[in-house]
N, C-alpha and C. Protein backbone atom coordinates (compact mmCIF):
# COMPACT_ATOMS: atom_id res chain seq x y z
N MET A 1 -124.52 -54.08 28.24
CA MET A 1 -123.40 -53.93 28.50
C MET A 1 -122.46 -53.81 29.07
N ASN A 2 -121.07 -53.16 28.29
CA ASN A 2 -119.99 -54.01 29.08
C ASN A 2 -119.16 -53.34 30.01
N ALA A 3 -118.76 -54.36 30.51
CA ALA A 3 -118.70 -53.36 32.44
C ALA A 3 -117.37 -52.43 32.16
N THR A 4 -116.33 -52.54 31.33
CA THR A 4 -115.57 -51.73 30.73
C THR A 4 -115.34 -50.41 30.40
N ALA A 5 -116.56 -50.34 29.69
CA ALA A 5 -117.60 -49.67 29.03
C ALA A 5 -117.28 -47.78 29.70
N PRO A 6 -116.77 -46.79 29.38
CA PRO A 6 -116.95 -45.89 29.98
C PRO A 6 -118.75 -45.51 30.20
N LEU A 7 -119.17 -44.35 31.31
CA LEU A 7 -120.31 -44.26 31.36
C LEU A 7 -120.41 -43.02 30.89
N PRO A 8 -121.40 -42.69 30.44
CA PRO A 8 -122.04 -41.13 29.72
C PRO A 8 -121.99 -40.24 30.73
N PRO A 9 -122.03 -39.65 30.15
CA PRO A 9 -121.88 -38.14 31.37
C PRO A 9 -122.95 -38.05 31.79
N ALA A 10 -123.31 -37.76 32.99
CA ALA A 10 -124.07 -37.58 33.64
C ALA A 10 -125.43 -36.58 33.27
N SER A 11 -126.77 -35.99 33.57
CA SER A 11 -127.61 -35.36 32.63
C SER A 11 -127.87 -34.60 33.66
N GLY A 12 -128.06 -33.17 33.81
CA GLY A 12 -128.53 -32.13 34.88
C GLY A 12 -127.35 -31.35 35.26
N THR A 13 -127.63 -30.52 35.44
CA THR A 13 -126.73 -28.78 36.60
C THR A 13 -126.35 -29.26 37.80
N VAL A 14 -125.02 -29.38 38.08
CA VAL A 14 -124.90 -28.97 39.04
C VAL A 14 -123.62 -28.24 39.65
N PRO A 15 -124.10 -27.58 40.41
CA PRO A 15 -123.22 -26.10 40.49
C PRO A 15 -122.15 -26.75 41.48
N ASN A 16 -120.44 -26.14 40.82
CA ASN A 16 -119.38 -26.76 41.05
C ASN A 16 -118.58 -25.62 42.34
N TYR A 17 -119.43 -24.29 42.27
CA TYR A 17 -118.42 -23.25 43.32
C TYR A 17 -117.46 -23.19 43.52
N LEU A 18 -116.79 -23.35 41.98
CA LEU A 18 -115.29 -23.41 42.17
C LEU A 18 -114.83 -21.64 41.91
N ILE A 19 -115.21 -20.88 41.40
CA ILE A 19 -115.07 -19.57 40.85
C ILE A 19 -115.15 -19.10 42.65
N TRP A 20 -116.13 -19.45 43.37
CA TRP A 20 -116.51 -19.15 44.85
C TRP A 20 -115.21 -19.27 45.27
N SER A 21 -115.06 -20.41 45.62
CA SER A 21 -113.97 -21.56 45.98
C SER A 21 -112.75 -20.43 45.94
N ILE A 22 -112.38 -20.49 44.87
CA ILE A 22 -110.97 -19.70 44.69
C ILE A 22 -111.17 -17.92 45.02
N VAL A 23 -112.11 -17.69 44.62
CA VAL A 23 -112.09 -16.33 45.31
C VAL A 23 -112.03 -16.03 46.80
N VAL A 24 -112.63 -16.65 47.77
CA VAL A 24 -112.64 -16.38 49.27
C VAL A 24 -111.20 -16.86 49.77
N THR A 25 -110.87 -18.01 48.83
CA THR A 25 -109.34 -18.91 49.04
C THR A 25 -108.55 -16.93 48.74
N VAL A 26 -108.24 -16.94 47.67
CA VAL A 26 -107.37 -16.00 47.28
C VAL A 26 -107.30 -14.73 48.21
N LEU A 27 -108.81 -14.02 48.75
CA LEU A 27 -108.84 -13.19 49.64
C LEU A 27 -108.38 -12.73 51.13
N ALA A 28 -108.19 -14.81 51.63
CA ALA A 28 -108.22 -15.43 52.84
C ALA A 28 -106.44 -15.03 52.67
N PHE A 29 -105.86 -15.19 51.80
CA PHE A 29 -104.23 -15.39 51.43
C PHE A 29 -103.80 -13.82 51.59
N PHE A 30 -104.27 -12.54 50.96
CA PHE A 30 -104.23 -11.70 51.10
C PHE A 30 -104.56 -10.87 52.56
N MET A 31 -105.66 -11.82 52.98
CA MET A 31 -106.04 -11.46 54.42
C MET A 31 -104.97 -11.30 55.54
N CYS A 32 -104.17 -12.52 55.45
CA CYS A 32 -103.31 -12.97 56.30
C CYS A 32 -102.73 -12.12 56.72
N CYS A 33 -102.33 -11.11 55.67
CA CYS A 33 -101.05 -10.21 56.07
C CYS A 33 -101.73 -8.69 56.90
N VAL A 34 -102.86 -9.22 57.47
CA VAL A 34 -103.34 -8.20 58.14
C VAL A 34 -103.67 -8.99 59.80
N SER A 35 -104.22 -10.10 59.31
CA SER A 35 -104.85 -11.19 60.38
C SER A 35 -104.36 -12.23 60.46
N CYS A 36 -103.92 -12.89 61.53
CA CYS A 36 -103.46 -14.26 61.57
C CYS A 36 -104.60 -15.14 62.12
N LEU A 37 -105.70 -14.40 61.80
CA LEU A 37 -107.19 -15.78 61.89
C LEU A 37 -107.90 -15.99 60.35
N SER A 38 -107.03 -15.22 59.86
CA SER A 38 -107.32 -16.15 58.01
C SER A 38 -106.67 -17.09 57.55
N PHE A 39 -105.64 -17.72 58.72
CA PHE A 39 -105.06 -19.11 58.16
C PHE A 39 -105.88 -19.99 57.81
N PRO A 40 -107.06 -20.22 58.99
CA PRO A 40 -107.81 -21.14 58.67
C PRO A 40 -108.64 -21.40 57.54
N ALA A 41 -108.60 -19.89 57.15
CA ALA A 41 -109.50 -19.89 56.03
C ALA A 41 -108.54 -20.39 54.61
N ILE A 42 -107.60 -20.09 54.58
CA ILE A 42 -107.28 -20.71 53.43
C ILE A 42 -106.89 -21.96 53.08
N ALA A 43 -106.98 -22.62 54.53
CA ALA A 43 -107.00 -24.19 54.71
C ALA A 43 -108.61 -24.70 54.14
N THR A 44 -109.51 -24.01 54.97
CA THR A 44 -110.90 -24.24 54.00
C THR A 44 -110.96 -24.36 52.70
N GLY A 45 -110.48 -23.25 52.16
CA GLY A 45 -110.62 -22.28 51.24
C GLY A 45 -110.07 -23.35 50.39
N ILE A 46 -108.90 -23.96 50.70
CA ILE A 46 -108.45 -25.31 49.59
C ILE A 46 -109.05 -26.75 49.40
N VAL A 47 -109.86 -26.91 50.53
CA VAL A 47 -110.53 -27.98 50.57
C VAL A 47 -112.27 -27.31 49.49
N ALA A 48 -112.62 -26.12 49.64
CA ALA A 48 -113.51 -26.17 49.14
C ALA A 48 -112.85 -25.98 47.76
N ILE A 49 -111.93 -26.41 46.83
CA ILE A 49 -111.73 -25.60 45.94
C ILE A 49 -111.35 -27.11 45.69
N VAL A 50 -111.11 -28.15 46.46
CA VAL A 50 -110.57 -29.23 45.87
C VAL A 50 -112.19 -30.60 45.86
N PHE A 51 -113.27 -29.65 46.41
CA PHE A 51 -114.21 -30.69 45.99
C PHE A 51 -115.23 -29.57 44.86
N ALA A 52 -115.05 -28.59 45.30
CA ALA A 52 -115.40 -27.90 44.02
C ALA A 52 -114.96 -28.46 42.46
N ASN A 53 -113.60 -29.14 42.67
CA ASN A 53 -113.06 -29.94 41.37
C ASN A 53 -113.50 -30.82 40.95
N LYS A 54 -113.76 -31.54 41.93
CA LYS A 54 -114.27 -32.98 41.32
C LYS A 54 -115.93 -33.16 40.85
N VAL A 55 -116.56 -31.87 41.43
CA VAL A 55 -117.84 -31.94 40.92
C VAL A 55 -117.78 -32.52 39.09
N ASN A 56 -117.81 -32.02 38.20
CA ASN A 56 -116.84 -31.36 36.81
C ASN A 56 -116.40 -33.11 36.52
N THR A 57 -115.59 -33.77 36.99
CA THR A 57 -115.00 -34.92 37.06
C THR A 57 -115.77 -36.09 37.55
N LEU A 58 -116.61 -35.73 38.36
CA LEU A 58 -117.81 -36.92 39.01
C LEU A 58 -118.97 -36.75 37.43
N LEU A 59 -119.04 -35.56 36.90
CA LEU A 59 -120.37 -35.65 36.61
C LEU A 59 -119.77 -36.30 34.78
N ASN A 60 -118.91 -36.11 34.73
CA ASN A 60 -117.94 -36.67 33.19
C ASN A 60 -117.94 -38.36 33.50
N GLN A 61 -118.29 -38.69 34.45
CA GLN A 61 -117.73 -40.15 34.31
C GLN A 61 -119.27 -41.00 34.61
N GLY A 62 -120.04 -39.96 34.84
CA GLY A 62 -121.64 -40.25 34.90
C GLY A 62 -122.10 -40.88 36.25
N ASP A 63 -121.49 -39.92 37.63
CA ASP A 63 -121.77 -39.97 38.87
C ASP A 63 -122.62 -39.20 39.16
N LEU A 64 -123.91 -38.62 39.36
CA LEU A 64 -124.69 -37.78 39.41
C LEU A 64 -124.99 -37.43 40.92
N VAL A 65 -124.38 -38.45 41.55
CA VAL A 65 -125.23 -38.55 43.27
C VAL A 65 -124.10 -38.41 43.94
N ALA A 66 -122.34 -38.84 43.04
CA ALA A 66 -121.57 -38.48 43.82
C ALA A 66 -120.90 -36.55 43.59
N ALA A 67 -121.57 -36.16 42.62
CA ALA A 67 -121.41 -35.07 41.91
C ALA A 67 -121.98 -34.13 42.67
N ARG A 68 -123.40 -34.44 43.15
CA ARG A 68 -124.19 -33.41 43.62
C ARG A 68 -123.32 -33.09 45.67
N GLN A 69 -122.65 -34.75 45.80
CA GLN A 69 -122.76 -34.73 47.45
C GLN A 69 -121.16 -33.75 47.56
N ALA A 70 -120.13 -33.98 46.32
CA ALA A 70 -119.08 -32.86 46.17
C ALA A 70 -119.35 -31.53 46.35
N SER A 71 -120.35 -31.88 45.14
CA SER A 71 -121.42 -29.94 45.05
C SER A 71 -121.39 -29.30 46.58
N LYS A 72 -122.32 -30.40 46.82
CA LYS A 72 -122.94 -29.97 48.65
C LYS A 72 -121.89 -29.49 49.77
N ASN A 73 -120.48 -30.41 49.80
CA ASN A 73 -119.84 -29.81 50.20
C ASN A 73 -118.49 -28.98 50.11
N ALA A 74 -118.81 -29.13 48.63
CA ALA A 74 -118.14 -27.10 48.08
C ALA A 74 -118.66 -26.29 48.62
N LYS A 75 -119.82 -26.21 48.71
CA LYS A 75 -120.81 -25.24 49.45
C LYS A 75 -120.78 -24.63 50.20
N ILE A 76 -120.35 -25.88 51.25
CA ILE A 76 -120.62 -25.96 52.69
C ILE A 76 -118.92 -25.56 53.03
N TRP A 77 -117.98 -25.83 52.34
CA TRP A 77 -116.63 -25.48 52.65
C TRP A 77 -116.54 -24.06 52.25
N ALA A 78 -117.41 -23.65 51.07
CA ALA A 78 -116.70 -21.98 50.54
C ALA A 78 -117.59 -21.19 51.59
N TRP A 79 -118.48 -21.35 52.13
CA TRP A 79 -119.42 -20.85 53.26
C TRP A 79 -118.35 -20.65 54.77
N VAL A 80 -117.89 -21.98 55.19
CA VAL A 80 -116.91 -21.70 55.99
C VAL A 80 -116.15 -21.06 56.04
N THR A 81 -115.21 -20.97 54.81
CA THR A 81 -114.30 -19.79 54.59
C THR A 81 -114.59 -18.43 54.15
N THR A 82 -115.80 -17.97 53.98
CA THR A 82 -116.41 -16.83 53.92
C THR A 82 -116.54 -16.78 55.41
N GLY A 83 -116.91 -17.37 56.23
CA GLY A 83 -117.39 -17.07 57.86
C GLY A 83 -116.35 -16.70 58.16
N ILE A 84 -115.25 -17.65 58.13
CA ILE A 84 -113.98 -17.11 58.75
C ILE A 84 -113.40 -15.67 57.84
N LEU A 85 -113.61 -15.69 57.28
CA LEU A 85 -112.55 -14.39 56.12
C LEU A 85 -113.80 -12.80 56.92
N ILE A 86 -114.45 -13.00 56.96
CA ILE A 86 -115.92 -11.78 57.58
C ILE A 86 -115.38 -11.64 58.89
N ALA A 87 -115.08 -13.05 59.88
CA ALA A 87 -114.62 -12.73 60.98
C ALA A 87 -113.52 -12.15 61.47
N ALA A 88 -112.84 -12.52 60.40
CA ALA A 88 -111.21 -11.76 60.98
C ALA A 88 -111.07 -10.61 60.00
N THR A 89 -111.96 -10.23 59.20
CA THR A 89 -112.26 -9.10 58.60
C THR A 89 -112.64 -8.37 59.89
N LEU A 90 -113.45 -8.56 60.21
CA LEU A 90 -114.30 -7.73 61.46
C LEU A 90 -113.39 -7.90 62.77
N PHE A 91 -112.61 -8.55 63.13
CA PHE A 91 -111.89 -8.25 64.22
C PHE A 91 -110.51 -7.66 63.80
N SER A 92 -110.20 -7.79 62.90
CA SER A 92 -109.13 -6.92 62.00
C SER A 92 -109.58 -5.35 62.67
N ILE A 93 -110.80 -5.03 62.15
CA ILE A 93 -111.12 -3.70 61.86
C ILE A 93 -111.61 -3.29 63.63
N ILE A 94 -112.27 -4.50 64.49
CA ILE A 94 -111.99 -3.23 65.55
C ILE A 94 -110.76 -3.45 66.51
N TRP A 95 -109.83 -4.26 66.11
CA TRP A 95 -108.57 -3.95 66.47
C TRP A 95 -108.22 -3.11 66.54
N LEU A 96 -108.34 -2.88 64.63
CA LEU A 96 -107.37 -1.44 64.66
C LEU A 96 -108.63 -0.25 64.80
N ALA A 97 -109.29 -0.46 65.35
CA ALA A 97 -110.14 0.90 66.04
C ALA A 97 -110.07 0.97 67.18
N PHE A 98 -109.40 0.03 67.90
CA PHE A 98 -108.64 0.14 69.87
C PHE A 98 -107.57 0.34 69.93
N VAL A 99 -106.64 -0.36 68.84
CA VAL A 99 -104.69 -0.02 69.31
C VAL A 99 -104.89 1.26 67.98
N GLY A 100 -105.54 1.23 66.86
CA GLY A 100 -105.42 3.01 65.85
C GLY A 100 -103.89 2.39 65.18
N VAL A 101 -104.16 3.05 63.90
CA VAL A 101 -103.36 2.64 63.31
C VAL A 101 -101.70 2.91 63.31
N ASP A 102 -101.22 3.99 64.72
CA ASP A 102 -100.52 4.02 64.94
C ASP A 102 -99.87 2.66 66.02
N GLY A 103 -100.67 2.32 66.74
CA GLY A 103 -100.14 1.11 67.66
C GLY A 103 -99.45 0.15 66.39
N TYR A 104 -100.60 -0.32 65.29
CA TYR A 104 -100.46 -1.23 65.06
C TYR A 104 -99.18 -0.87 63.48
N MET A 105 -98.77 0.12 63.66
CA MET A 105 -97.27 0.61 63.21
C MET A 105 -96.52 -0.03 64.24
N GLU A 106 -96.40 0.56 65.22
CA GLU A 106 -95.42 0.69 66.11
C GLU A 106 -95.15 -1.17 66.82
N GLN A 107 -96.37 -1.99 66.28
CA GLN A 107 -96.23 -3.50 66.78
C GLN A 107 -95.08 -4.02 65.23
N ILE A 108 -95.66 -3.56 64.49
CA ILE A 108 -95.21 -4.09 63.04
C ILE A 108 -93.56 -3.86 63.14
N GLN A 109 -93.01 -2.56 63.90
CA GLN A 109 -91.80 -2.20 64.03
C GLN A 109 -91.11 -2.88 64.72
N GLN A 110 -92.01 -3.52 66.26
CA GLN A 110 -91.21 -4.06 67.00
C GLN A 110 -90.72 -5.82 66.40
N PHE A 111 -91.98 -6.03 65.72
CA PHE A 111 -91.93 -7.59 65.05
C PHE A 111 -90.67 -7.77 64.03
N GLN A 112 -90.00 -6.38 63.37
CA GLN A 112 -89.17 -6.17 62.85
C GLN A 112 -87.51 -6.31 63.36
N GLN A 113 -87.65 -5.42 64.16
CA GLN A 113 -86.56 -5.49 65.16
C GLN A 113 -86.37 -6.72 65.81
N GLN A 114 -87.46 -7.74 66.33
CA GLN A 114 -86.92 -8.57 66.82
C GLN A 114 -86.53 -9.89 65.74
N VAL A 115 -87.12 -9.62 64.66
CA VAL A 115 -86.47 -10.57 63.42
C VAL A 115 -85.54 -10.45 63.14
N GLU A 116 -85.00 -9.43 63.21
CA GLU A 116 -83.63 -8.91 62.50
C GLU A 116 -82.63 -9.15 63.72
N SER A 117 -83.25 -9.14 64.49
CA SER A 117 -82.28 -9.41 66.32
C SER A 117 -82.05 -11.07 66.18
N ALA A 118 -82.91 -11.65 65.81
CA ALA A 118 -82.63 -13.04 66.07
C ALA A 118 -81.89 -13.62 64.49
N SER A 119 -81.97 -12.79 63.49
CA SER A 119 -81.13 -13.68 62.57
C SER A 119 -79.66 -13.25 62.55
């Protein structure tokens, strides 16, 4: 076999978790409007997307072992993102329960006033 010949695609099914990674990253992006705790979820979601994207590329290169490792990493980072997103959501719900919507709106107005006075 010639060393420069491309390898045939690896056989077997390796999940890439791309859809899951994208969904939780997009949800984290929208959640950042409510809670700053979701910013880490955006970062970990991007990492999950990168690993998920590698899976098919590695399979096409014939590297089944690396594709499985990328799949495992994508799954781990998707779970981390999901966990952070759940924690941020629970924190936001608990915070709104104690502060209330009126207190939340007051804080937003104070923030707007600070931004306007700074510019």
